[in-house]
PDB file of N, CA and C in Angstrom:
ATOM      1  N   MET A   1     -11.101  13.592 -17.820  1.00  0.00           N
ATOM      2  CA  MET A   1     -10.830  11.906 -18.091  1.00  0.00           C
ATOM      3  C   MET A   1      -9.591  11.959 -17.454  1.00  0.00           C
ATOM      4  N   SER A   2      -9.251  10.543 -16.573  1.00  0.00           N
ATOM      5  CA  SER A   2      -7.978  10.453 -16.049  1.00  0.00           C
ATOM      6  C   SER A   2      -6.957   9.564 -17.026  1.00  0.00           C
ATOM      7  N   GLY A   3      -6.024   9.346 -16.919  1.00  0.00           N
ATOM      8  CA  GLY A   3      -5.313   9.347 -18.015  1.00  0.00           C
ATOM      9  C   GLY A   3      -4.601   7.893 -17.519  1.00  0.00           C
ATOM     10  N   ARG A   4      -5.007   7.224 -16.591  1.00  0.00           N
ATOM     11  CA  ARG A   4      -4.875   6.137 -16.042  1.00  0.00           C
ATOM     12  C   ARG A   4      -5.174   4.749 -17.336  1.00  0.00           C
ATOM     13  N   ILE A   5      -4.451   3.666 -17.342  1.00  0.00           N
ATOM     14  CA  ILE A   5      -4.854   2.772 -17.873  1.00  0.00           C
ATOM     15  C   ILE A   5      -5.965   1.754 -17.147  1.00  0.00           C
ATOM     16  N   PHE A   6      -5.836   1.142 -16.222  1.00  0.00           N
ATOM     17  CA  PHE A   6      -6.880   0.510 -15.685  1.00  0.00           C
ATOM     18  C   PHE A   6      -7.730   1.268 -14.499  1.00  0.00           C
ATOM     19  N   ASP A   7      -8.891   0.866 -14.299  1.00  0.00           N
ATOM     20  CA  ASP A   7      -9.319   1.289 -13.390  1.00  0.00           C
ATOM     21  C   ASP A   7      -9.333   0.542 -12.317  1.00  0.00           C
ATOM     22  N   ARG A   8     -10.471   1.015 -11.106  1.00  0.00           N
ATOM     23  CA  ARG A   8     -10.416   0.343  -9.972  1.00  0.00           C
ATOM     24  C   ARG A   8     -10.756  -1.209 -10.155  1.00  0.00           C
ATOM     25  N   ASP A   9     -11.871  -1.385 -10.856  1.00  0.00           N
ATOM     26  CA  ASP A   9     -12.444  -2.633 -11.068  1.00  0.00           C
ATOM     27  C   ASP A   9     -11.559  -3.702 -11.937  1.00  0.00           C
ATOM     28  N   THR A  10     -11.119  -2.859 -13.265  1.00  0.00           N
ATOM     29  CA  THR A  10      -9.629  -3.921 -14.055  1.00  0.00           C
ATOM     30  C   THR A  10      -8.750  -4.320 -13.084  1.00  0.00           C
ATOM     31  N   LEU A  11      -8.307  -3.651 -11.994  1.00  0.00           N
ATOM     32  CA  LEU A  11      -7.152  -4.016 -11.024  1.00  0.00           C
ATOM     33  C   LEU A  11      -7.672  -5.349 -10.222  1.00  0.00           C
ATOM     34  N   LEU A  12      -9.224  -4.922  -9.910  1.00  0.00           N
ATOM     35  CA  LEU A  12      -9.567  -5.926  -8.788  1.00  0.00           C
ATOM     36  C   LEU A  12      -9.417  -7.312  -9.864  1.00  0.00           C
ATOM     37  N   ASP A  13      -9.791  -7.073 -11.149  1.00  0.00           N
ATOM     38  CA  ASP A  13     -10.033  -8.191 -12.267  1.00  0.00           C
ATOM     39  C   ASP A  13      -8.448  -8.637 -12.182  1.00  0.00           C
ATOM     40  N   LEU A  14      -7.097  -8.108 -12.258  1.00  0.00           N
ATOM     41  CA  LEU A  14      -5.961  -8.291 -12.210  1.00  0.00           C
ATOM     42  C   LEU A  14      -5.510  -9.363 -11.419  1.00  0.00           C
ATOM     43  N   THR A  15      -6.021  -8.969  -9.973  1.00  0.00           N
ATOM     44  CA  THR A  15      -5.391  -9.619  -9.186  1.00  0.00           C
ATOM     45  C   THR A  15      -5.112 -10.946  -8.874  1.00  0.00           C
ATOM     46  N   VAL A  16      -5.948 -11.528  -9.910  1.00  0.00           N
ATOM     47  CA  VAL A  16      -5.670 -13.147  -9.965  1.00  0.00           C
ATOM     48  C   VAL A  16      -4.570 -13.688 -10.698  1.00  0.00           C
ATOM     49  N   ASN A  17      -3.590 -12.691 -11.054  1.00  0.00           N
ATOM     50  CA  ASN A  17      -2.207 -12.899 -11.673  1.00  0.00           C
ATOM     51  C   ASN A  17      -1.377 -12.201 -10.645  1.00  0.00           C
ATOM     52  N   VAL A  18      -1.750 -11.085  -9.715  1.00  0.00           N
ATOM     53  CA  VAL A  18      -0.758 -10.601  -9.262  1.00  0.00           C
ATOM     54  C   VAL A  18      -0.327 -11.215  -7.962  1.00  0.00           C
ATOM     55  N   ILE A  19      -0.854 -12.148  -7.489  1.00  0.00           N
ATOM     56  CA  ILE A  19      -0.834 -12.582  -6.241  1.00  0.00           C
ATOM     57  C   ILE A  19       0.453 -13.654  -6.789  1.00  0.00           C
ATOM     58  N   PRO A  20       0.095 -14.596  -7.811  1.00  0.00           N
ATOM     59  CA  PRO A  20       1.706 -15.487  -8.167  1.00  0.00           C
ATOM     60  C   PRO A  20       2.621 -14.831  -8.691  1.00  0.00           C
ATOM     61  N   LEU A  21       2.394 -13.641  -9.020  1.00  0.00           N
ATOM     62  CA  LEU A  21       3.620 -13.085  -9.848  1.00  0.00           C
ATOM     63  C   LEU A  21       4.442 -12.426  -7.967  1.00  0.00           C
ATOM     64  N   ALA A  22       3.858 -12.117  -7.322  1.00  0.00           N
ATOM     65  CA  ALA A  22       4.380 -11.524  -6.147  1.00  0.00           C
ATOM     66  C   ALA A  22       4.986 -12.895  -5.229  1.00  0.00           C
ATOM     67  N   MET A  23       3.876 -13.671  -5.514  1.00  0.00           N
ATOM     68  CA  MET A  23       5.285 -15.457  -5.058  1.00  0.00           C
ATOM     69  C   MET A  23       6.280 -15.677  -6.232  1.00  0.00           C
ATOM     70  N   LEU A  24       6.260 -15.801  -7.296  1.00  0.00           N
ATOM     71  CA  LEU A  24       7.479 -15.559  -8.044  1.00  0.00           C
ATOM     72  C   LEU A  24       8.606 -14.903  -7.525  1.00  0.00           C
ATOM     73  N   ALA A  25       8.242 -13.258  -7.191  1.00  0.00           N
ATOM     74  CA  ALA A  25       8.955 -12.551  -6.896  1.00  0.00           C
ATOM     75  C   ALA A  25       9.667 -12.968  -5.627  1.00  0.00           C
ATOM     76  N   PHE A  26       8.933 -13.225  -4.996  1.00  0.00           N
ATOM     77  CA  PHE A  26       9.327 -13.338  -3.137  1.00  0.00           C
ATOM     78  C   PHE A  26      10.651 -14.772  -3.388  1.00  0.00           C
ATOM     79  N   PHE A  27      10.188 -15.699  -4.223  1.00  0.00           N
ATOM     80  CA  PHE A  27      10.940 -16.919  -4.479  1.00  0.00           C
ATOM     81  C   PHE A  27      12.629 -16.626  -4.856  1.00  0.00           C
ATOM     82  N   LEU A  28      12.220 -15.954  -5.939  1.00  0.00           N
ATOM     83  CA  LEU A  28      13.610 -15.270  -6.571  1.00  0.00           C
ATOM     84  C   LEU A  28      14.564 -14.553  -5.923  1.00  0.00           C
ATOM     85  N   VAL A  29      13.827 -13.440  -5.153  1.00  0.00           N
ATOM     86  CA  VAL A  29      14.807 -12.568  -4.307  1.00  0.00           C
ATOM     87  C   VAL A  29      15.302 -13.683  -2.922  1.00  0.00           C
ATOM     88  N   ALA A  30      14.502 -14.582  -2.358  1.00  0.00           N
ATOM     89  CA  ALA A  30      14.811 -15.423  -1.236  1.00  0.00           C
ATOM     90  C   ALA A  30      15.764 -16.279  -1.792  1.00  0.00           C
ATOM     91  N   PHE A  31      16.094 -16.806  -3.096  1.00  0.00           N
ATOM     92  CA  PHE A  31      17.224 -17.300  -3.122  1.00  0.00           C
ATOM     93  C   PHE A  31      18.393 -16.845  -3.610  1.00  0.00           C
ATOM     94  N   LEU A  32      18.431 -15.770  -4.328  1.00  0.00           N
ATOM     95  CA  LEU A  32      19.147 -14.873  -5.004  1.00  0.00           C
ATOM     96  C   LEU A  32      20.076 -14.501  -3.637  1.00  0.00           C
ATOM     97  N   VAL A  33      18.981 -13.946  -2.745  1.00  0.00           N
ATOM     98  CA  VAL A  33      19.734 -13.105  -1.554  1.00  0.00           C
ATOM     99  C   VAL A  33      20.237 -14.158  -0.188  1.00  0.00           C
ATOM    100  N   TYR A  34      19.583 -15.304  -0.168  1.00  0.00           N
ATOM    101  CA  TYR A  34      19.743 -16.124   1.147  1.00  0.00           C
ATOM    102  C   TYR A  34      20.376 -17.400   0.808  1.00  0.00           C
ATOM    103  N   ALA A  35      20.681 -17.817  -0.504  1.00  0.00           N
ATOM    104  CA  ALA A  35      21.595 -18.692  -0.806  1.00  0.00           C
ATOM    105  C   ALA A  35      22.566 -18.813   0.088  1.00  0.00           C
ATOM    106  N   PRO A  36      22.616 -20.094   0.882  1.00  0.00           N
ATOM    107  CA  PRO A  36      23.755 -20.374   1.923  1.00  0.00           C
ATOM    108  C   PRO A  36      24.892 -20.971   1.185  1.00  0.00           C
ATOM    109  N   GLY A  37      25.946 -19.883   1.168  1.00  0.00           N
ATOM    110  CA  GLY A  37      27.423 -20.034   0.874  1.00  0.00           C
ATOM    111  C   GLY A  37      27.577 -20.599  -0.499  1.00  0.00           C
ATOM    112  N   PRO A  38      28.911 -20.425  -1.016  1.00  0.00           N
ATOM    113  CA  PRO A  38      29.215 -20.693  -2.419  1.00  0.00           C
ATOM    114  C   PRO A  38      28.818 -22.528  -2.856  1.00  0.00           C
ATOM    115  N   PHE A  39      28.679 -23.416  -1.930  1.00  0.00           N
ATOM    116  CA  PHE A  39      28.715 -24.467  -2.153  1.00  0.00           C
ATOM    117  C   PHE A  39      27.056 -25.001  -2.451  1.00  0.00           C
ATOM    118  N   ALA A  40      26.248 -24.107  -2.486  1.00  0.00           N
ATOM    119  CA  ALA A  40      24.969 -24.530  -2.373  1.00  0.00           C
ATOM    120  C   ALA A  40      24.409 -24.051  -3.630  1.00  0.00           C
ATOM    121  N   PHE A  41      25.291 -23.269  -4.235  1.00  0.00           N
ATOM    122  CA  PHE A  41      24.549 -22.765  -5.612  1.00  0.00           C
ATOM    123  C   PHE A  41      25.680 -22.988  -6.664  1.00  0.00           C
ATOM    124  N   ASP A  42      25.220 -24.430  -7.236  1.00  0.00           N
ATOM    125  CA  ASP A  42      25.535 -25.288  -8.379  1.00  0.00           C
ATOM    126  C   ASP A  42      25.548 -24.698  -9.639  1.00  0.00           C
ATOM    127  N   PRO A  43      26.182 -23.852 -10.565  1.00  0.00           N
ATOM    128  CA  PRO A  43      26.072 -23.258 -11.929  1.00  0.00           C
ATOM    129  C   PRO A  43      25.090 -23.158 -12.473  1.00  0.00           C
ATOM    130  N   VAL A  44      25.096 -24.740 -13.022  1.00  0.00           N
ATOM    131  CA  VAL A  44      24.203 -25.003 -13.754  1.00  0.00           C
ATOM    132  C   VAL A  44      22.541 -25.258 -13.528  1.00  0.00           C
ATOM    133  N   LEU A  45      22.573 -26.008 -12.313  1.00  0.00           N
ATOM    134  CA  LEU A  45      21.203 -26.423 -11.992  1.00  0.00           C
ATOM    135  C   LEU A  45      20.328 -25.185 -11.383  1.00  0.00           C
ATOM    136  N   SER A  46      21.450 -23.781 -10.900  1.00  0.00           N
ATOM    137  CA  SER A  46      20.754 -22.791 -10.272  1.00  0.00           C
ATOM    138  C   SER A  46      20.305 -21.703 -11.443  1.00  0.00           C
ATOM    139  N   THR A  47      20.940 -21.883 -12.574  1.00  0.00           N
ATOM    140  CA  THR A  47      20.958 -20.888 -13.487  1.00  0.00           C
ATOM    141  C   THR A  47      19.533 -21.912 -14.330  1.00  0.00           C
ATOM    142  N   ILE A  48      19.693 -22.932 -14.520  1.00  0.00           N
ATOM    143  CA  ILE A  48      18.537 -23.540 -15.329  1.00  0.00           C
ATOM    144  C   ILE A  48      17.030 -23.377 -14.044  1.00  0.00           C
ATOM    145  N   GLN A  49      17.114 -23.383 -12.986  1.00  0.00           N
ATOM    146  CA  GLN A  49      15.855 -23.403 -11.848  1.00  0.00           C
ATOM    147  C   GLN A  49      15.316 -21.452 -12.140  1.00  0.00           C
ATOM    148  N   LEU A  50      16.183 -20.624 -11.764  1.00  0.00           N
ATOM    149  CA  LEU A  50      16.382 -19.334 -11.984  1.00  0.00           C
ATOM    150  C   LEU A  50      15.714 -18.771 -13.437  1.00  0.00           C
ATOM    151  N   SER A  51      16.673 -19.216 -14.601  1.00  0.00           N
ATOM    152  CA  SER A  51      15.784 -18.856 -15.779  1.00  0.00           C
ATOM    153  C   SER A  51      14.594 -19.618 -16.090  1.00  0.00           C
ATOM    154  N   ILE A  52      13.557 -20.489 -15.610  1.00  0.00           N
ATOM    155  CA  ILE A  52      12.686 -21.026 -15.425  1.00  0.00           C
ATOM    156  C   ILE A  52      11.731 -20.242 -14.591  1.00  0.00           C
ATOM    157  N   VAL A  53      11.985 -19.848 -13.165  1.00  0.00           N
ATOM    158  CA  VAL A  53      11.160 -18.735 -12.275  1.00  0.00           C
ATOM    159  C   VAL A  53      10.922 -17.282 -13.045  1.00  0.00           C
ATOM    160  N   PHE A  54      12.016 -16.901 -13.725  1.00  0.00           N
ATOM    161  CA  PHE A  54      12.635 -15.495 -14.369  1.00  0.00           C
ATOM    162  C   PHE A  54      11.222 -15.729 -15.428  1.00  0.00           C
ATOM    163  N   THR A  55      11.657 -16.582 -16.394  1.00  0.00           N
ATOM    164  CA  THR A  55      10.702 -16.554 -17.602  1.00  0.00           C
ATOM    165  C   THR A  55       9.449 -16.639 -17.325  1.00  0.00           C
ATOM    166  N   THR A  56       8.835 -17.228 -16.374  1.00  0.00           N
ATOM    167  CA  THR A  56       7.895 -17.608 -15.943  1.00  0.00           C
ATOM    168  C   THR A  56       7.155 -16.073 -15.179  1.00  0.00           C
ATOM    169  N   PHE A  57       7.937 -15.745 -14.413  1.00  0.00           N
ATOM    170  CA  PHE A  57       7.629 -14.293 -13.966  1.00  0.00           C
ATOM    171  C   PHE A  57       7.377 -13.031 -15.165  1.00  0.00           C
ATOM    172  N   PHE A  58       8.003 -13.387 -15.890  1.00  0.00           N
ATOM    173  CA  PHE A  58       8.369 -11.998 -17.136  1.00  0.00           C
ATOM    174  C   PHE A  58       7.181 -12.651 -17.852  1.00  0.00           C
ATOM    175  N   LEU A  59       6.528 -13.829 -18.571  1.00  0.00           N
ATOM    176  CA  LEU A  59       5.521 -14.039 -19.488  1.00  0.00           C
ATOM    177  C   LEU A  59       4.478 -14.134 -18.615  1.00  0.00           C
ATOM    178  N   LEU A  60       4.168 -14.152 -17.244  1.00  0.00           N
ATOM    179  CA  LEU A  60       3.016 -13.546 -16.677  1.00  0.00           C
ATOM    180  C   LEU A  60       2.820 -12.375 -16.427  1.00  0.00           C
ATOM    181  N   ALA A  61       3.903 -11.481 -16.493  1.00  0.00           N
ATOM    182  CA  ALA A  61       3.458 -10.341 -16.303  1.00  0.00           C
ATOM    183  C   ALA A  61       2.982  -9.373 -17.732  1.00  0.00           C
ATOM    184  N   VAL A  62       3.508  -9.995 -18.475  1.00  0.00           N
ATOM    185  CA  VAL A  62       2.958  -9.701 -20.014  1.00  0.00           C
ATOM    186  C   VAL A  62       1.716  -9.948 -20.361  1.00  0.00           C
ATOM    187  N   LEU A  63       1.378 -11.384 -20.309  1.00  0.00           N
ATOM    188  CA  LEU A  63       0.356 -11.621 -19.847  1.00  0.00           C
ATOM    189  C   LEU A  63      -0.521 -10.899 -19.243  1.00  0.00           C
ATOM    190  N   THR A  64      -0.733 -10.534 -18.036  1.00  0.00           N
ATOM    191  CA  THR A  64      -1.365  -9.812 -17.145  1.00  0.00           C
ATOM    192  C   THR A  64      -1.803  -8.089 -17.773  1.00  0.00           C
ATOM    193  N   TYR A  65      -0.536  -7.626 -18.097  1.00  0.00           N
ATOM    194  CA  TYR A  65      -0.764  -6.168 -18.878  1.00  0.00           C
ATOM    195  C   TYR A  65      -1.912  -6.579 -20.359  1.00  0.00           C
ATOM    196  N   TYR A  66      -1.625  -7.452 -20.904  1.00  0.00           N
ATOM    197  CA  TYR A  66      -2.268  -7.492 -22.145  1.00  0.00           C
ATOM    198  C   TYR A  66      -3.782  -7.773 -21.547  1.00  0.00           C
ATOM    199  N   ALA A  67      -3.855  -8.697 -20.900  1.00  0.00           N
ATOM    200  CA  ALA A  67      -5.261  -8.936 -20.300  1.00  0.00           C
ATOM    201  C   ALA A  67      -6.213  -7.653 -19.697  1.00  0.00           C
ATOM    202  N   GLY A  68      -4.907  -6.742 -19.059  1.00  0.00           N
ATOM    203  CA  GLY A  68      -5.653  -5.949 -18.523  1.00  0.00           C
ATOM    204  C   GLY A  68      -6.468  -4.775 -19.543  1.00  0.00           C
ATOM    205  N   LYS A  69      -5.330  -5.056 -20.425  1.00  0.00           N
ATOM    206  CA  LYS A  69      -5.929  -3.416 -21.677  1.00  0.00           C
ATOM    207  C   LYS A  69      -6.856  -4.267 -22.532  1.00  0.00           C
ATOM    208  N   ALA A  70      -6.971  -5.752 -22.568  1.00  0.00           N
ATOM    209  CA  ALA A  70      -7.983  -6.384 -23.028  1.00  0.00           C
ATOM    210  C   ALA A  70      -9.430  -6.332 -22.386  1.00  0.00           C
ATOM    211  N   ILE A  71      -9.544  -6.069 -21.138  1.00  0.00           N
ATOM    212  CA  ILE A  71     -10.559  -5.977 -20.232  1.00  0.00           C
ATOM    213  C   ILE A  71     -10.779  -4.469 -20.242  1.00  0.00           C
ATOM    214  N   ALA A  72     -10.131  -3.602 -20.367  1.00  0.00           N
ATOM    215  CA  ALA A  72     -10.213  -2.111 -20.022  1.00  0.00           C
ATOM    216  C   ALA A  72     -10.590  -1.579 -21.578  1.00  0.00           C
ATOM    217  N   GLY A  73     -10.278  -2.354 -22.409  1.00  0.00           N
ATOM    218  CA  GLY A  73     -10.549  -1.809 -23.692  1.00  0.00           C
ATOM    219  C   GLY A  73     -12.436  -2.149 -24.060  1.00  0.00           C
ATOM    220  N   ALA A  74     -12.417  -3.579 -23.408  1.00  0.00           N
ATOM    221  CA  ALA A  74     -14.071  -3.698 -23.538  1.00  0.00           C
ATOM    222  C   ALA A  74     -14.774  -3.310 -22.676  1.00  0.00           C
ATOM    223  N   GLU A  75     -14.574  -3.135 -21.876  1.00  0.00           N
ATOM    224  CA  GLU A  75     -15.480  -1.713 -20.639  1.00  0.00           C
ATOM    225  C   GLU A  75     -15.644  -0.482 -21.444  1.00  0.00           C
ATOM    226  N   LYS A  76     -14.522  -0.038 -22.036  1.00  0.00           N
ATOM    227  CA  LYS A  76     -14.998   1.060 -22.836  1.00  0.00           C
ATOM    228  C   LYS A  76     -15.751   1.193 -23.948  1.00  0.00           C
ATOM    229  N   SER A  77     -15.770  -0.064 -24.777  1.00  0.00           N
ATOM    230  CA  SER A  77     -16.259  -0.196 -25.767  1.00  0.00           C
ATOM    231  C   SER A  77     -17.672  -0.158 -25.850  1.00  0.00           C
ATOM    232  N   HIS A  78     -17.829  -1.319 -24.837  1.00  0.00           N
ATOM    233  CA  HIS A  78     -19.494  -1.632 -24.667  1.00  0.00           C
ATOM    234  C   HIS A  78     -19.922  -0.572 -23.729  1.00  0.00           C
ATOM    235  N   GLY A  79     -19.151   0.108 -22.956  1.00  0.00           N
ATOM    236  CA  GLY A  79     -19.911   1.109 -21.748  1.00  0.00           C
ATOM    237  C   GLY A  79     -20.321   0.557 -20.706  1.00  0.00           C
ATOM    238  N   VAL A  80     -20.185  -0.776 -20.336  1.00  0.00           N
ATOM    239  CA  VAL A  80     -20.434  -1.528 -19.085  1.00  0.00           C
ATOM    240  C   VAL A  80     -19.102  -2.577 -18.721  1.00  0.00           C
ATOM    241  N   HIS A  81     -19.227  -3.019 -17.791  1.00  0.00           N
ATOM    242  CA  HIS A  81     -18.425  -3.809 -17.286  1.00  0.00           C
ATOM    243  C   HIS A  81     -18.967  -5.306 -17.673  1.00  0.00           C
ATOM    244  N   ALA A  82     -17.724  -5.807 -18.403  1.00  0.00           N
ATOM    245  CA  ALA A  82     -18.255  -7.310 -18.867  1.00  0.00           C
ATOM    246  C   ALA A  82     -18.972  -8.225 -18.433  1.00  0.00           C
ATOM    247  N   GLU A  83     -18.813  -8.237 -16.706  1.00  0.00           N
ATOM    248  CA  GLU A  83     -19.252  -8.989 -15.860  1.00  0.00           C
ATOM    249  C   GLU A  83     -20.471  -9.198 -15.406  1.00  0.00           C
ATOM    250  N   THR A  84     -21.135  -8.278 -15.801  1.00  0.00           N
ATOM    251  CA  THR A  84     -22.582  -7.395 -15.357  1.00  0.00           C
ATOM    252  C   THR A  84     -23.380  -7.237 -16.742  1.00  0.00           C
ATOM    253  N   ALA A  85     -22.913  -7.415 -17.932  1.00  0.00           N
ATOM    254  CA  ALA A  85     -23.688  -7.349 -18.862  1.00  0.00           C
ATOM    255  C   ALA A  85     -24.440  -8.487 -19.590  1.00  0.00           C
ATOM    256  N   THR A  86     -25.943  -7.929 -19.634  1.00  0.00           N
ATOM    257  CA  THR A  86     -26.728  -9.013 -20.439  1.00  0.00           C
ATOM    258  C   THR A  86     -26.522  -8.894 -22.062  1.00  0.00           C
ATOM    259  N   VAL A  87     -26.128 -10.215 -22.737  1.00  0.00           N
ATOM    260  CA  VAL A  87     -26.519 -10.066 -24.174  1.00  0.00           C
ATOM    261  C   VAL A  87     -27.942 -10.624 -24.212  1.00  0.00           C
ATOM    262  N   GLN A  88     -28.709  -9.717 -25.528  1.00  0.00           N
ATOM    263  CA  GLN A  88     -29.636  -9.982 -25.889  1.00  0.00           C
ATOM    264  C   GLN A  88     -29.745 -10.210 -26.978  1.00  0.00           C
ATOM    265  N   PRO A  89     -30.485 -11.744 -27.395  1.00  0.00           N
ATOM    266  CA  PRO A  89     -30.871 -12.167 -28.654  1.00  0.00           C
ATOM    267  C   PRO A  89     -30.941 -11.448 -29.637  1.00  0.00           C
ATOM    268  N   ASP A  90     -30.378 -11.888 -30.933  1.00  0.00           N
ATOM    269  CA  ASP A  90     -30.534 -10.744 -32.318  1.00  0.00           C
ATOM    270  C   ASP A  90     -31.909 -11.315 -32.495  1.00  0.00           C
ATOM    271  N   GLU A  91     -32.472 -10.373 -32.862  1.00  0.00           N
ATOM    272  CA  GLU A  91     -34.205 -10.705 -33.248  1.00  0.00           C
ATOM    273  C   GLU A  91     -34.441 -10.618 -34.682  1.00  0.00           C
ATOM    274  N   THR A  92     -33.463 -10.835 -35.338  1.00  0.00           N
ATOM    275  CA  THR A  92     -33.162 -11.129 -36.935  1.00  0.00           C
ATOM    276  C   THR A  92     -32.877 -12.728 -37.096  1.00  0.00           C
ATOM    277  N   ASP A  93     -32.595 -13.252 -36.393  1.00  0.00           N
ATOM    278  CA  ASP A  93     -32.548 -14.392 -36.283  1.00  0.00           C
ATOM    279  C   ASP A  93     -33.243 -15.502 -36.907  1.00  0.00           C
ATOM    280  N   ASP A  94     -33.088 -16.003 -38.044  1.00  0.00           N
ATOM    281  CA  ASP A  94     -34.142 -17.039 -38.596  1.00  0.00           C
ATOM    282  C   ASP A  94     -33.862 -18.372 -38.646  1.00  0.00           C
ATOM    283  N   SER A  95     -33.270 -19.102 -37.750  1.00  0.00           N
ATOM    284  CA  SER A  95     -32.958 -20.048 -37.484  1.00  0.00           C
ATOM    285  C   SER A  95     -34.078 -21.331 -37.472  1.00  0.00           C
ATOM    286  N   GLY A  96     -35.106 -20.837 -37.127  1.00  0.00           N
ATOM    287  CA  GLY A  96     -36.413 -21.592 -37.032  1.00  0.00           C
ATOM    288  C   GLY A  96     -36.739 -22.241 -35.803  1.00  0.00           C
ATOM    289  N   THR A  97     -35.791 -22.075 -35.047  1.00  0.00           N
ATOM    290  CA  THR A  97     -35.955 -22.460 -34.066  1.00  0.00           C
ATOM    291  C   THR A  97     -36.866 -21.793 -32.700  1.00  0.00           C
ATOM    292  N   PRO A  98     -38.136 -22.090 -31.921  1.00  0.00           N
ATOM    293  CA  PRO A  98     -38.594 -21.430 -30.989  1.00  0.00           C
ATOM    294  C   PRO A  98     -38.299 -20.958 -30.245  1.00  0.00           C
TER     295      PRO A  98
END
């Protein structure tokens, strides 16, 4: 058995969060590398801006990792993919509804 945490299907599920991560990383790098001159970098406003973008990037990365672990764990415990699984009604339900 492979030692990988995420299989191919789980990685496809996580691309929903990887695309915004790539966008945030692009804008972080673009601002840090291509900020035009010393007069365009306001210490207070730029620090606030970068801290908001970096915090959002970090929290989304952590959320993506734990969501991937939850998806992979559910697939391993049920033995099927959660999207294609059908749930059978409980036969012992005595709620009285037909």
